[in-house]
Amino acid sequence: MSDARRVVVLGRVVGLHGVRGALRLHAYTEPPERIFEYVPWQVRARDGRELDLQRVDGRRHGKALVFALPGVPDRDAASAWLDAEICVARAALPALPQGEWYWTDLEGLAVVNLEGIRLGRVSHLMATGANDVMVVRDTERERLLPFVPGQWVREVDLAAGRIIVDWDPSF
């Protein structure tokens, strides 16, 4: 799918805020409040409803991020949007410097080691204290590989759809 039609989940509605229909948001962006810079939003509810927002009325409130949806007047109406995903078009994300990648671009890539042995595909990535970790799955197993370019990750080739790693297939 082209970047123009692909969407990326940047956050999730995690709670209610106040009595006027505001929602609390968990953002996957760094820093979290940067999520408000990426518009338009597509808000996808659990029940399949979608709402497109050209403008977002949101802010930091203490340690939380809160925002309001148009046409959601109170807490009861807002509760229908709990657990909704906040998505933006992949094309709305800024270009990154050479040697940096968005996780969404790495997900689904084939992972092969230096000997050409296929280890699986990137299912997803997760942050740890030391470094990010790729979860690589094939039909038989799941591997957790450190995403450390130059050490374990030797090459990321988005055009070819693969990541080359220095990794023993028995691990």
N, C-alpha and C. Protein backbone atom coordinates (compact mmCIF):
# COMPACT_ATOMS: atom_id res chain seq x y z
N MET A 1 0.85 -1.17 0.00
CA MET A 1 0.00 0.00 0.00
C MET A 1 0.90 1.24 0.00
N SER A 2 0.53 2.23 -0.77
CA SER A 2 1.33 3.45 -0.83
C SER A 2 1.23 4.23 0.47
N ASP A 3 2.25 5.06 0.72
CA ASP A 3 2.24 5.89 1.94
C ASP A 3 1.04 6.83 1.98
N ALA A 4 0.54 7.22 0.82
CA ALA A 4 -0.59 8.15 0.78
C ALA A 4 -1.86 7.52 1.36
N ARG A 5 -2.00 6.19 1.23
CA ARG A 5 -3.20 5.52 1.72
C ARG A 5 -2.98 4.78 3.03
N ARG A 6 -1.74 4.57 3.42
CA ARG A 6 -1.41 3.83 4.64
C ARG A 6 -1.58 4.72 5.87
N VAL A 7 -2.12 4.16 6.94
CA VAL A 7 -2.25 4.92 8.18
C VAL A 7 -1.37 4.29 9.26
N VAL A 8 -0.98 5.13 10.20
CA VAL A 8 -0.14 4.72 11.32
C VAL A 8 -0.87 5.06 12.61
N VAL A 9 -0.93 4.11 13.53
CA VAL A 9 -1.55 4.35 14.83
C VAL A 9 -0.55 5.11 15.69
N LEU A 10 -0.92 6.32 16.12
CA LEU A 10 -0.05 7.15 16.94
C LEU A 10 -0.49 7.24 18.39
N GLY A 11 -1.66 6.69 18.70
CA GLY A 11 -2.13 6.76 20.07
C GLY A 11 -3.42 6.00 20.26
N ARG A 12 -3.88 6.00 21.52
CA ARG A 12 -5.09 5.27 21.88
C ARG A 12 -5.82 6.04 22.98
N VAL A 13 -7.14 6.06 22.89
CA VAL A 13 -7.96 6.67 23.93
C VAL A 13 -7.96 5.73 25.13
N VAL A 14 -7.54 6.24 26.28
CA VAL A 14 -7.39 5.37 27.46
C VAL A 14 -8.32 5.72 28.62
N GLY A 15 -9.08 6.79 28.49
CA GLY A 15 -9.96 7.13 29.60
C GLY A 15 -10.77 8.38 29.33
N LEU A 16 -11.61 8.69 30.29
CA LEU A 16 -12.46 9.87 30.24
C LEU A 16 -11.84 10.97 31.09
N HIS A 17 -12.17 12.22 30.76
CA HIS A 17 -11.65 13.35 31.52
C HIS A 17 -12.78 14.36 31.74
N GLY A 18 -13.22 14.49 32.96
CA GLY A 18 -14.26 15.46 33.28
C GLY A 18 -15.64 15.00 32.85
N VAL A 19 -16.58 15.94 32.89
CA VAL A 19 -17.98 15.61 32.59
C VAL A 19 -18.45 16.15 31.24
N ARG A 20 -17.59 16.89 30.54
CA ARG A 20 -17.99 17.52 29.27
C ARG A 20 -17.56 16.74 28.04
N GLY A 21 -17.19 15.47 28.19
CA GLY A 21 -16.90 14.63 27.04
C GLY A 21 -15.45 14.59 26.60
N ALA A 22 -14.55 15.15 27.38
CA ALA A 22 -13.14 15.08 27.01
C ALA A 22 -12.61 13.66 27.23
N LEU A 23 -11.57 13.33 26.49
CA LEU A 23 -10.97 11.99 26.54
C LEU A 23 -9.49 12.08 26.90
N ARG A 24 -9.00 11.08 27.64
CA ARG A 24 -7.57 10.97 27.92
C ARG A 24 -6.94 10.11 26.84
N LEU A 25 -5.72 10.45 26.50
CA LEU A 25 -5.04 9.85 25.36
C LEU A 25 -3.67 9.34 25.78
N HIS A 26 -3.32 8.15 25.32
CA HIS A 26 -1.94 7.66 25.45
C HIS A 26 -1.31 7.77 24.07
N ALA A 27 -0.26 8.58 23.96
CA ALA A 27 0.40 8.81 22.67
C ALA A 27 1.65 7.95 22.56
N TYR A 28 1.90 7.44 21.36
CA TYR A 28 3.10 6.66 21.09
C TYR A 28 4.22 7.54 20.53
N THR A 29 4.00 8.83 20.47
CA THR A 29 5.00 9.75 19.92
C THR A 29 5.98 10.18 21.02
N GLU A 30 7.11 10.69 20.60
CA GLU A 30 8.10 11.24 21.53
C GLU A 30 8.38 12.67 21.15
N PRO A 31 8.18 13.63 21.99
CA PRO A 31 7.47 13.54 23.26
C PRO A 31 5.98 13.30 23.02
N PRO A 32 5.25 12.85 24.02
CA PRO A 32 3.85 12.48 23.81
C PRO A 32 2.98 13.59 23.22
N GLU A 33 3.17 14.84 23.65
CA GLU A 33 2.30 15.91 23.15
C GLU A 33 2.53 16.22 21.66
N ARG A 34 3.56 15.64 21.06
CA ARG A 34 3.80 15.84 19.63
C ARG A 34 2.65 15.25 18.80
N ILE A 35 1.89 14.33 19.37
CA ILE A 35 0.77 13.74 18.62
C ILE A 35 -0.18 14.82 18.10
N PHE A 36 -0.28 15.94 18.82
CA PHE A 36 -1.19 17.00 18.40
C PHE A 36 -0.68 17.75 17.17
N GLU A 37 0.58 17.55 16.80
CA GLU A 37 1.14 18.21 15.61
C GLU A 37 0.79 17.48 14.32
N TYR A 38 0.43 16.21 14.43
CA TYR A 38 0.14 15.41 13.24
C TYR A 38 -1.36 15.41 12.97
N VAL A 39 -1.77 16.11 11.93
CA VAL A 39 -3.17 16.14 11.55
C VAL A 39 -3.24 15.99 10.03
N PRO A 40 -4.34 15.55 9.49
CA PRO A 40 -5.57 15.21 10.17
C PRO A 40 -5.49 13.86 10.88
N TRP A 41 -6.37 13.71 11.86
CA TRP A 41 -6.51 12.45 12.59
C TRP A 41 -7.67 11.65 12.02
N GLN A 42 -7.50 10.35 12.11
CA GLN A 42 -8.62 9.43 11.88
C GLN A 42 -8.79 8.69 13.20
N VAL A 43 -9.94 8.88 13.85
CA VAL A 43 -10.21 8.23 15.13
C VAL A 43 -11.07 7.01 14.83
N ARG A 44 -10.56 5.83 15.21
CA ARG A 44 -11.25 4.57 14.91
C ARG A 44 -11.74 3.92 16.19
N ALA A 45 -13.06 3.84 16.33
CA ALA A 45 -13.66 3.24 17.53
C ALA A 45 -13.67 1.72 17.41
N ARG A 46 -13.84 1.07 18.56
CA ARG A 46 -13.90 -0.41 18.61
C ARG A 46 -15.02 -0.97 17.75
N ASP A 47 -16.14 -0.26 17.68
CA ASP A 47 -17.31 -0.77 16.95
C ASP A 47 -17.25 -0.49 15.45
N GLY A 48 -16.12 0.03 14.96
CA GLY A 48 -15.95 0.27 13.53
C GLY A 48 -16.24 1.70 13.08
N ARG A 49 -16.80 2.52 13.97
CA ARG A 49 -17.04 3.92 13.60
C ARG A 49 -15.72 4.64 13.42
N GLU A 50 -15.70 5.57 12.50
CA GLU A 50 -14.51 6.38 12.26
C GLU A 50 -14.90 7.84 12.21
N LEU A 51 -14.00 8.67 12.69
CA LEU A 51 -14.22 10.11 12.69
C LEU A 51 -12.94 10.77 12.18
N ASP A 52 -13.06 11.59 11.14
CA ASP A 52 -11.92 12.32 10.60
C ASP A 52 -11.88 13.71 11.20
N LEU A 53 -10.74 14.08 11.75
CA LEU A 53 -10.57 15.40 12.36
C LEU A 53 -9.50 16.18 11.62
N GLN A 54 -9.88 17.31 11.07
CA GLN A 54 -8.92 18.18 10.40
C GLN A 54 -8.16 19.04 11.41
N ARG A 55 -8.77 19.25 12.55
CA ARG A 55 -8.18 20.05 13.63
C ARG A 55 -8.43 19.31 14.93
N VAL A 56 -7.44 19.34 15.83
CA VAL A 56 -7.57 18.64 17.10
C VAL A 56 -7.47 19.64 18.24
N ASP A 57 -8.48 19.61 19.11
CA ASP A 57 -8.49 20.45 20.30
C ASP A 57 -7.93 19.61 21.46
N GLY A 58 -6.61 19.65 21.65
CA GLY A 58 -5.98 18.83 22.68
C GLY A 58 -4.90 19.57 23.42
N ARG A 59 -4.55 19.04 24.61
CA ARG A 59 -3.52 19.69 25.43
C ARG A 59 -3.02 18.71 26.49
N ARG A 60 -1.92 19.10 27.09
CA ARG A 60 -1.41 18.37 28.25
C ARG A 60 -2.17 18.89 29.46
N HIS A 61 -2.58 17.96 30.33
CA HIS A 61 -3.26 18.32 31.57
C HIS A 61 -2.57 17.52 32.68
N GLY A 62 -1.64 18.16 33.38
CA GLY A 62 -0.82 17.43 34.36
C GLY A 62 0.04 16.42 33.63
N LYS A 63 -0.07 15.16 34.00
CA LYS A 63 0.70 14.10 33.33
C LYS A 63 -0.07 13.49 32.16
N ALA A 64 -1.32 13.88 31.99
CA ALA A 64 -2.17 13.28 30.96
C ALA A 64 -2.27 14.19 29.73
N LEU A 65 -2.65 13.58 28.61
CA LEU A 65 -3.02 14.31 27.41
C LEU A 65 -4.53 14.18 27.29
N VAL A 66 -5.20 15.29 27.02
CA VAL A 66 -6.65 15.26 26.87
C VAL A 66 -7.03 15.96 25.57
N PHE A 67 -8.16 15.53 25.02
CA PHE A 67 -8.67 16.17 23.81
C PHE A 67 -10.17 15.98 23.76
N ALA A 68 -10.82 16.76 22.91
CA ALA A 68 -12.27 16.70 22.76
C ALA A 68 -12.61 16.32 21.33
N LEU A 69 -13.69 15.57 21.18
CA LEU A 69 -14.21 15.24 19.86
C LEU A 69 -15.42 16.10 19.57
N PRO A 70 -15.56 16.63 18.38
CA PRO A 70 -16.74 17.42 18.06
C PRO A 70 -17.99 16.53 18.13
N GLY A 71 -19.07 17.08 18.65
CA GLY A 71 -20.33 16.35 18.74
C GLY A 71 -20.40 15.37 19.89
N VAL A 72 -19.41 15.42 20.79
CA VAL A 72 -19.41 14.55 21.97
C VAL A 72 -19.60 15.48 23.17
N PRO A 73 -20.85 15.62 23.63
CA PRO A 73 -21.16 16.65 24.61
C PRO A 73 -20.91 16.28 26.08
N ASP A 74 -20.84 14.98 26.38
CA ASP A 74 -20.75 14.60 27.79
C ASP A 74 -19.99 13.29 27.96
N ARG A 75 -19.80 12.95 29.21
CA ARG A 75 -19.04 11.76 29.60
C ARG A 75 -19.65 10.47 29.03
N ASP A 76 -20.97 10.37 29.04
CA ASP A 76 -21.63 9.17 28.52
C ASP A 76 -21.34 8.99 27.03
N ALA A 77 -21.47 10.06 26.26
CA ALA A 77 -21.19 9.98 24.82
C ALA A 77 -19.72 9.68 24.57
N ALA A 78 -18.83 10.25 25.38
CA ALA A 78 -17.39 10.03 25.22
C ALA A 78 -17.00 8.58 25.49
N SER A 79 -17.74 7.90 26.37
CA SER A 79 -17.36 6.53 26.72
C SER A 79 -17.42 5.58 25.52
N ALA A 80 -18.19 5.93 24.49
CA ALA A 80 -18.25 5.11 23.28
C ALA A 80 -16.93 5.13 22.51
N TRP A 81 -16.07 6.10 22.81
CA TRP A 81 -14.78 6.22 22.11
C TRP A 81 -13.61 5.65 22.91
N LEU A 82 -13.89 5.03 24.07
CA LEU A 82 -12.81 4.42 24.84
C LEU A 82 -12.13 3.33 24.02
N ASP A 83 -10.83 3.27 24.10
CA ASP A 83 -9.99 2.31 23.38
C ASP A 83 -9.90 2.58 21.88
N ALA A 84 -10.40 3.72 21.42
CA ALA A 84 -10.29 4.06 20.00
C ALA A 84 -8.83 4.34 19.65
N GLU A 85 -8.47 4.05 18.41
CA GLU A 85 -7.12 4.33 17.93
C GLU A 85 -7.09 5.70 17.27
N ILE A 86 -5.97 6.39 17.45
CA ILE A 86 -5.72 7.66 16.80
C ILE A 86 -4.74 7.38 15.68
N CYS A 87 -5.17 7.58 14.43
CA CYS A 87 -4.35 7.27 13.27
C CYS A 87 -4.09 8.52 12.44
N VAL A 88 -2.96 8.52 11.76
CA VAL A 88 -2.65 9.56 10.78
C VAL A 88 -2.10 8.88 9.54
N ALA A 89 -2.15 9.58 8.43
CA ALA A 89 -1.58 9.06 7.20
C ALA A 89 -0.07 8.94 7.35
N ARG A 90 0.51 7.86 6.88
CA ARG A 90 1.96 7.67 6.96
C ARG A 90 2.67 8.84 6.29
N ALA A 91 2.10 9.36 5.22
CA ALA A 91 2.71 10.47 4.48
C ALA A 91 2.78 11.75 5.32
N ALA A 92 2.00 11.84 6.41
CA ALA A 92 2.02 13.04 7.26
C ALA A 92 3.22 13.07 8.19
N LEU A 93 3.91 11.96 8.34
CA LEU A 93 5.08 11.92 9.23
C LEU A 93 6.29 12.52 8.51
N PRO A 94 7.11 13.28 9.21
CA PRO A 94 8.26 13.91 8.57
C PRO A 94 9.32 12.89 8.16
N ALA A 95 10.09 13.26 7.15
CA ALA A 95 11.21 12.41 6.72
C ALA A 95 12.23 12.33 7.86
N LEU A 96 12.89 11.19 7.95
CA LEU A 96 13.90 10.98 8.99
C LEU A 96 15.30 11.06 8.40
N PRO A 97 16.28 11.36 9.23
CA PRO A 97 17.65 11.36 8.75
C PRO A 97 18.09 9.95 8.34
N GLN A 98 19.11 9.90 7.52
CA GLN A 98 19.69 8.62 7.09
C GLN A 98 20.02 7.78 8.33
N GLY A 99 19.67 6.50 8.29
CA GLY A 99 19.98 5.60 9.40
C GLY A 99 18.93 5.57 10.50
N GLU A 100 17.80 6.27 10.31
CA GLU A 100 16.69 6.21 11.27
C GLU A 100 15.45 5.76 10.52
N TRP A 101 14.58 5.01 11.25
CA TRP A 101 13.38 4.46 10.64
C TRP A 101 12.22 4.56 11.60
N TYR A 102 11.03 4.71 11.04
CA TYR A 102 9.83 4.57 11.84
C TYR A 102 9.58 3.09 12.02
N TRP A 103 9.13 2.71 13.22
CA TRP A 103 8.84 1.30 13.48
C TRP A 103 7.84 0.75 12.47
N THR A 104 6.85 1.54 12.13
CA THR A 104 5.83 1.07 11.20
C THR A 104 6.42 0.66 9.86
N ASP A 105 7.54 1.28 9.46
CA ASP A 105 8.19 0.93 8.20
C ASP A 105 8.98 -0.37 8.30
N LEU A 106 9.36 -0.76 9.51
CA LEU A 106 10.14 -1.99 9.71
C LEU A 106 9.23 -3.21 9.88
N GLU A 107 8.02 -2.98 10.37
CA GLU A 107 7.10 -4.09 10.61
C GLU A 107 6.75 -4.77 9.29
N GLY A 108 6.87 -6.09 9.28
CA GLY A 108 6.58 -6.87 8.08
C GLY A 108 7.79 -7.18 7.23
N LEU A 109 8.93 -6.53 7.50
CA LEU A 109 10.13 -6.81 6.71
C LEU A 109 10.67 -8.19 7.04
N ALA A 110 11.23 -8.85 6.02
CA ALA A 110 11.90 -10.14 6.22
C ALA A 110 13.22 -9.89 6.95
N VAL A 111 13.59 -10.82 7.82
CA VAL A 111 14.85 -10.72 8.55
C VAL A 111 15.70 -11.94 8.16
N VAL A 112 16.90 -11.65 7.66
CA VAL A 112 17.84 -12.71 7.28
C VAL A 112 19.17 -12.43 7.95
N ASN A 113 19.92 -13.50 8.24
CA ASN A 113 21.22 -13.27 8.86
C ASN A 113 22.31 -13.16 7.78
N LEU A 114 23.54 -12.97 8.20
CA LEU A 114 24.65 -12.75 7.26
C LEU A 114 24.87 -13.93 6.33
N GLU A 115 24.47 -15.12 6.75
CA GLU A 115 24.61 -16.32 5.91
C GLU A 115 23.43 -16.50 4.97
N GLY A 116 22.46 -15.60 5.04
CA GLY A 116 21.30 -15.67 4.16
C GLY A 116 20.18 -16.55 4.70
N ILE A 117 20.27 -16.97 5.95
CA ILE A 117 19.23 -17.80 6.55
C ILE A 117 18.08 -16.90 6.99
N ARG A 118 16.89 -17.23 6.51
CA ARG A 118 15.71 -16.44 6.83
C ARG A 118 15.27 -16.75 8.27
N LEU A 119 15.14 -15.71 9.09
CA LEU A 119 14.75 -15.87 10.49
C LEU A 119 13.27 -15.59 10.71
N GLY A 120 12.61 -14.97 9.76
CA GLY A 120 11.20 -14.64 9.88
C GLY A 120 10.93 -13.22 9.43
N ARG A 121 9.81 -12.68 9.92
CA ARG A 121 9.43 -11.30 9.61
C ARG A 121 9.26 -10.52 10.91
N VAL A 122 9.49 -9.21 10.82
CA VAL A 122 9.31 -8.35 11.99
C VAL A 122 7.81 -8.26 12.27
N SER A 123 7.41 -8.77 13.42
CA SER A 123 6.02 -8.69 13.85
C SER A 123 5.75 -7.29 14.40
N HIS A 124 6.62 -6.87 15.32
CA HIS A 124 6.52 -5.53 15.91
C HIS A 124 7.82 -5.25 16.65
N LEU A 125 7.95 -4.05 17.15
CA LEU A 125 9.11 -3.65 17.92
C LEU A 125 8.64 -3.21 19.29
N MET A 126 9.56 -3.26 20.26
CA MET A 126 9.23 -2.77 21.60
C MET A 126 10.45 -2.06 22.17
N ALA A 127 10.17 -1.07 22.98
CA ALA A 127 11.22 -0.31 23.63
C ALA A 127 11.61 -1.00 24.93
N THR A 128 12.89 -1.06 25.19
CA THR A 128 13.39 -1.55 26.47
C THR A 128 14.33 -0.47 27.00
N GLY A 129 14.81 -0.63 28.19
CA GLY A 129 15.70 0.38 28.75
C GLY A 129 16.99 0.53 27.98
N ALA A 130 17.54 -0.57 27.50
CA ALA A 130 18.84 -0.53 26.84
C ALA A 130 18.73 -0.18 25.36
N ASN A 131 17.83 -0.83 24.66
CA ASN A 131 17.68 -0.62 23.22
C ASN A 131 16.32 -1.15 22.78
N ASP A 132 15.93 -0.79 21.57
CA ASP A 132 14.69 -1.32 21.02
C ASP A 132 14.91 -2.79 20.64
N VAL A 133 13.83 -3.56 20.61
CA VAL A 133 13.90 -4.99 20.30
C VAL A 133 12.90 -5.30 19.20
N MET A 134 13.37 -6.06 18.18
CA MET A 134 12.48 -6.54 17.13
C MET A 134 11.93 -7.89 17.55
N VAL A 135 10.64 -8.07 17.39
CA VAL A 135 10.02 -9.37 17.58
C VAL A 135 9.89 -9.98 16.19
N VAL A 136 10.67 -11.04 15.95
CA VAL A 136 10.75 -11.67 14.64
C VAL A 136 10.08 -13.04 14.72
N ARG A 137 9.10 -13.26 13.86
CA ARG A 137 8.36 -14.52 13.89
C ARG A 137 8.45 -15.23 12.56
N ASP A 138 8.54 -16.57 12.65
CA ASP A 138 8.34 -17.41 11.48
C ASP A 138 7.28 -18.44 11.85
N THR A 139 7.11 -19.46 11.06
CA THR A 139 6.04 -20.43 11.34
C THR A 139 6.33 -21.28 12.57
N GLU A 140 7.59 -21.35 12.98
CA GLU A 140 7.95 -22.24 14.08
C GLU A 140 8.25 -21.54 15.40
N ARG A 141 8.75 -20.31 15.34
CA ARG A 141 9.18 -19.68 16.59
C ARG A 141 9.16 -18.17 16.53
N GLU A 142 9.41 -17.59 17.69
CA GLU A 142 9.51 -16.14 17.84
C GLU A 142 10.88 -15.84 18.43
N ARG A 143 11.55 -14.85 17.84
CA ARG A 143 12.86 -14.43 18.33
C ARG A 143 12.78 -12.96 18.73
N LEU A 144 13.53 -12.61 19.77
CA LEU A 144 13.66 -11.22 20.18
C LEU A 144 15.08 -10.79 19.83
N LEU A 145 15.20 -9.90 18.86
CA LEU A 145 16.51 -9.45 18.39
C LEU A 145 16.71 -7.98 18.74
N PRO A 146 17.85 -7.64 19.32
CA PRO A 146 18.11 -6.23 19.63
C PRO A 146 18.23 -5.42 18.34
N PHE A 147 17.52 -4.30 18.29
CA PHE A 147 17.62 -3.43 17.13
C PHE A 147 18.73 -2.41 17.39
N VAL A 148 19.96 -2.85 17.11
CA VAL A 148 21.14 -2.00 17.32
C VAL A 148 21.89 -1.94 15.99
N PRO A 149 21.60 -0.90 15.19
CA PRO A 149 22.30 -0.76 13.91
C PRO A 149 23.81 -0.68 14.09
N GLY A 150 24.52 -1.37 13.20
CA GLY A 150 25.98 -1.39 13.27
C GLY A 150 26.51 -2.56 14.07
N GLN A 151 25.74 -3.03 15.04
CA GLN A 151 26.17 -4.18 15.84
C GLN A 151 25.40 -5.42 15.42
N TRP A 152 24.12 -5.48 15.73
CA TRP A 152 23.31 -6.65 15.38
C TRP A 152 22.58 -6.44 14.06
N VAL A 153 22.14 -5.22 13.81
CA VAL A 153 21.46 -4.90 12.56
C VAL A 153 22.50 -4.34 11.60
N ARG A 154 22.77 -5.09 10.53
CA ARG A 154 23.81 -4.68 9.59
C ARG A 154 23.27 -3.85 8.44
N GLU A 155 22.02 -4.11 8.03
CA GLU A 155 21.46 -3.35 6.92
C GLU A 155 19.94 -3.37 7.01
N VAL A 156 19.35 -2.21 6.74
CA VAL A 156 17.90 -2.11 6.59
C VAL A 156 17.67 -1.64 5.16
N ASP A 157 17.01 -2.48 4.38
CA ASP A 157 16.74 -2.18 2.98
C ASP A 157 15.22 -2.16 2.79
N LEU A 158 14.64 -0.98 2.94
CA LEU A 158 13.19 -0.86 2.83
C LEU A 158 12.72 -1.23 1.42
N ALA A 159 13.48 -0.84 0.40
CA ALA A 159 13.08 -1.12 -0.98
C ALA A 159 13.04 -2.63 -1.25
N ALA A 160 13.99 -3.36 -0.69
CA ALA A 160 14.03 -4.82 -0.88
C ALA A 160 13.14 -5.54 0.13
N GLY A 161 12.68 -4.82 1.16
CA GLY A 161 11.80 -5.42 2.15
C GLY A 161 12.51 -6.36 3.10
N ARG A 162 13.76 -6.02 3.47
CA ARG A 162 14.48 -6.93 4.37
C ARG A 162 15.44 -6.19 5.29
N ILE A 163 15.75 -6.88 6.38
CA ILE A 163 16.75 -6.44 7.35
C ILE A 163 17.78 -7.56 7.46
N ILE A 164 19.04 -7.20 7.33
CA ILE A 164 20.12 -8.18 7.48
C ILE A 164 20.72 -8.01 8.87
N VAL A 165 20.82 -9.13 9.59
CA VAL A 165 21.29 -9.10 10.98
C VAL A 165 22.46 -10.05 11.17
N ASP A 166 23.29 -9.74 12.14
CA ASP A 166 24.37 -10.63 12.56
C ASP A 166 23.82 -11.43 13.75
N TRP A 167 23.19 -12.57 13.45
CA TRP A 167 22.48 -13.31 14.47
C TRP A 167 22.55 -14.80 14.17
N ASP A 168 22.83 -15.57 15.20
CA ASP A 168 22.88 -17.03 15.08
C ASP A 168 21.44 -17.56 15.02
N PRO A 169 21.08 -18.31 13.98
CA PRO A 169 19.71 -18.78 13.85
C PRO A 169 19.26 -19.74 14.96
N SER A 170 20.19 -20.28 15.73
CA SER A 170 19.79 -21.18 16.82
C SER A 170 19.33 -20.41 18.05
N PHE A 171 19.54 -19.10 18.08
CA PHE A 171 19.08 -18.28 19.21
C PHE A 171 17.65 -17.88 19.00
